[in-house]
C-alpha atoms as a PDB file:
ATOM      1  CA  MET A   1       0.000   0.000   0.000  1.00  0.00           C
ATOM      2  CA  ALA A   2       1.401   3.312  -1.051  1.00  0.00           C
ATOM      3  CA  VAL A   3       0.787   6.881   0.099  1.00  0.00           C
ATOM      4  CA  PHE A   4      -2.694   6.584   1.599  1.00  0.00           C
ATOM      5  CA  GLY A   5      -2.495   2.983   2.767  1.00  0.00           C
ATOM      6  CA  GLY A   6      -4.412   2.470   5.971  1.00  0.00           C
ATOM      7  CA  THR A   7      -7.501   3.836   7.614  1.00  0.00           C
ATOM      8  CA  LEU A   8      -7.238   7.387   6.241  1.00  0.00           C
ATOM      9  CA  GLY A   9      -7.139   6.165   2.641  1.00  0.00           C
ATOM     10  CA  PHE A  10     -10.201   3.973   3.172  1.00  0.00           C
ATOM     11  CA  GLN A  11     -12.105   6.793   4.879  1.00  0.00           C
ATOM     12  CA  ILE A  12     -11.353   9.257   2.087  1.00  0.00           C
ATOM     13  CA  MET A  13     -12.316   6.678  -0.560  1.00  0.00           C
ATOM     14  CA  PHE A  14     -15.572   6.003   1.276  1.00  0.00           C
ATOM     15  CA  LEU A  15     -16.400   9.724   1.431  1.00  0.00           C
ATOM     16  CA  LEU A  16     -15.517  10.182  -2.235  1.00  0.00           C
ATOM     17  CA  GLY A  17     -17.814   7.261  -3.062  1.00  0.00           C
ATOM     18  CA  ILE A  18     -20.666   9.054  -1.282  1.00  0.00           C
ATOM     19  CA  VAL A  19     -19.834  12.271  -3.181  1.00  0.00           C
ATOM     20  CA  ASN A  20     -19.886  10.213  -6.411  1.00  0.00           C
ATOM     21  CA  ILE A  21     -23.380   8.907  -5.672  1.00  0.00           C
ATOM     22  CA  LEU A  22     -24.774  12.277  -4.570  1.00  0.00           C
ATOM     23  CA  SER A  23     -23.288  14.171  -7.514  1.00  0.00           C
ATOM     24  CA  MET A  24     -24.524  11.481  -9.923  1.00  0.00           C
ATOM     25  CA  LEU A  25     -28.042  11.920  -8.518  1.00  0.00           C
ATOM     26  CA  ALA A  26     -27.713  15.710  -8.779  1.00  0.00           C
ATOM     27  CA  VAL A  27     -26.646  15.394 -12.427  1.00  0.00           C
ATOM     28  CA  PHE A  28     -29.575  13.092 -13.150  1.00  0.00           C
ATOM     29  CA  PHE A  29     -32.242  15.207 -11.439  1.00  0.00           C
ATOM     30  CA  SER A  30     -30.990  18.408 -13.063  1.00  0.00           C
ATOM     31  CA  CYS A  31     -30.753  16.766 -16.490  1.00  0.00           C
ATOM     32  CA  ARG A  32     -32.036  18.787 -19.431  1.00  0.00           C
ATOM     33  CA  CYS A  33     -33.525  15.604 -20.922  1.00  0.00           C
ATOM     34  CA  LEU A  34     -36.103  15.354 -18.118  1.00  0.00           C
ATOM     35  CA  VAL A  35     -37.775  18.698 -18.845  1.00  0.00           C
ATOM     36  CA  GLY A  36     -40.626  17.172 -20.850  1.00  0.00           C
ATOM     37  CA  HIS A  37     -41.746  14.896 -18.018  1.00  0.00           C
ATOM     38  CA  LYS A  38     -44.692  15.908 -15.839  1.00  0.00           C
ATOM     39  CA  PHE A  39     -42.695  15.587 -12.624  1.00  0.00           C
ATOM     40  CA  VAL A  40     -40.094  18.088 -13.835  1.00  0.00           C
ATOM     41  CA  GLN A  41     -42.723  20.433 -15.265  1.00  0.00           C
ATOM     42  CA  ALA A  42     -44.318  20.572 -11.821  1.00  0.00           C
ATOM     43  CA  MET A  43     -40.951  21.039 -10.133  1.00  0.00           C
ATOM     44  CA  MET A  44     -39.990  23.888 -12.493  1.00  0.00           C
ATOM     45  CA  GLN A  45     -42.683  25.945 -10.761  1.00  0.00           C
ATOM     46  CA  LYS A  46     -40.550  25.905  -7.602  1.00  0.00           C
ATOM     47  CA  ASN A  47     -37.801  28.523  -7.249  1.00  0.00           C
ATOM     48  CA  TRP A  48     -35.444  26.152  -5.432  1.00  0.00           C
ATOM     49  CA  TYR A  49     -35.643  23.593  -8.248  1.00  0.00           C
ATOM     50  CA  ARG A  50     -34.946  26.205 -10.931  1.00  0.00           C
ATOM     51  CA  LYS A  51     -31.837  27.237  -8.971  1.00  0.00           C
ATOM     52  CA  PHE A  52     -30.857  23.568  -8.557  1.00  0.00           C
ATOM     53  CA  TYR A  53     -31.473  23.020 -12.289  1.00  0.00           C
ATOM     54  CA  SER A  54     -29.240  25.969 -13.189  1.00  0.00           C
ATOM     55  CA  TRP A  55     -26.284  24.292 -11.432  1.00  0.00           C
ATOM     56  CA  HIS A  56     -26.337  21.253 -13.749  1.00  0.00           C
ATOM     57  CA  CYS A  57     -22.937  21.941 -15.319  1.00  0.00           C
ATOM     58  CA  MET A  58     -21.324  22.443 -11.897  1.00  0.00           C
ATOM     59  CA  PHE A  59     -22.681  19.064 -10.787  1.00  0.00           C
ATOM     60  CA  TRP A  60     -20.842  17.461 -13.729  1.00  0.00           C
ATOM     61  CA  TRP A  61     -17.542  19.054 -12.684  1.00  0.00           C
ATOM     62  CA  ILE A  62     -18.003  17.851  -9.101  1.00  0.00           C
ATOM     63  CA  PHE A  63     -18.855  14.356 -10.347  1.00  0.00           C
ATOM     64  CA  PHE A  64     -15.817  14.136 -12.665  1.00  0.00           C
ATOM     65  CA  ALA A  65     -13.416  15.471 -10.009  1.00  0.00           C
ATOM     66  CA  SER A  66     -14.798  13.096  -7.404  1.00  0.00           C
ATOM     67  CA  VAL A  67     -14.575  10.042  -9.677  1.00  0.00           C
ATOM     68  CA  LEU A  68     -11.023  10.960 -10.698  1.00  0.00           C
ATOM     69  CA  ALA A  69      -9.901  11.470  -7.088  1.00  0.00           C
ATOM     70  CA  HIS A  70     -11.654   8.245  -6.007  1.00  0.00           C
ATOM     71  CA  THR A  71      -9.929   6.285  -8.790  1.00  0.00           C
ATOM     72  CA  LEU A  72      -6.457   7.715  -8.151  1.00  0.00           C
ATOM     73  CA  LEU A  73      -6.790   7.091  -4.429  1.00  0.00           C
ATOM     74  CA  ALA A  74      -7.932   3.505  -5.056  1.00  0.00           C
ATOM     75  CA  PHE A  75      -4.815   2.916  -7.181  1.00  0.00           C
ATOM     76  CA  SER A  76      -2.705   4.468  -4.436  1.00  0.00           C
ATOM     77  CA  VAL A  77      -4.240   2.312  -1.693  1.00  0.00           C
ATOM     78  CA  PHE A  78      -4.671  -0.978  -3.544  1.00  0.00           C
ATOM     79  CA  GLY A  79      -2.025  -0.665  -6.269  1.00  0.00           C
ATOM     80  CA  TRP A  80      -2.287  -1.592  -9.941  1.00  0.00           C
ATOM     81  CA  PRO A  81      -3.789  -5.101 -10.197  1.00  0.00           C
ATOM     82  CA  PHE A  82      -2.129  -6.103 -13.497  1.00  0.00           C
END
């Protein structure tokens, strides 16, 4: 185990996994493709959802950064398996 071997590496990977899931859900629920659905049409009437919807591109950046960090940390903790 390299740099982050041990408890700290596992804890950070776990937290990054949670960030991955939450940001993936945020990307999905702010997706432009959902606008035609009745659920989203009703939600677009709410100010908080319009603000949430406007952050769609930021959710992608968070998701990509989190997945990249999670992957690099996993390689650091577990090594390259091949």
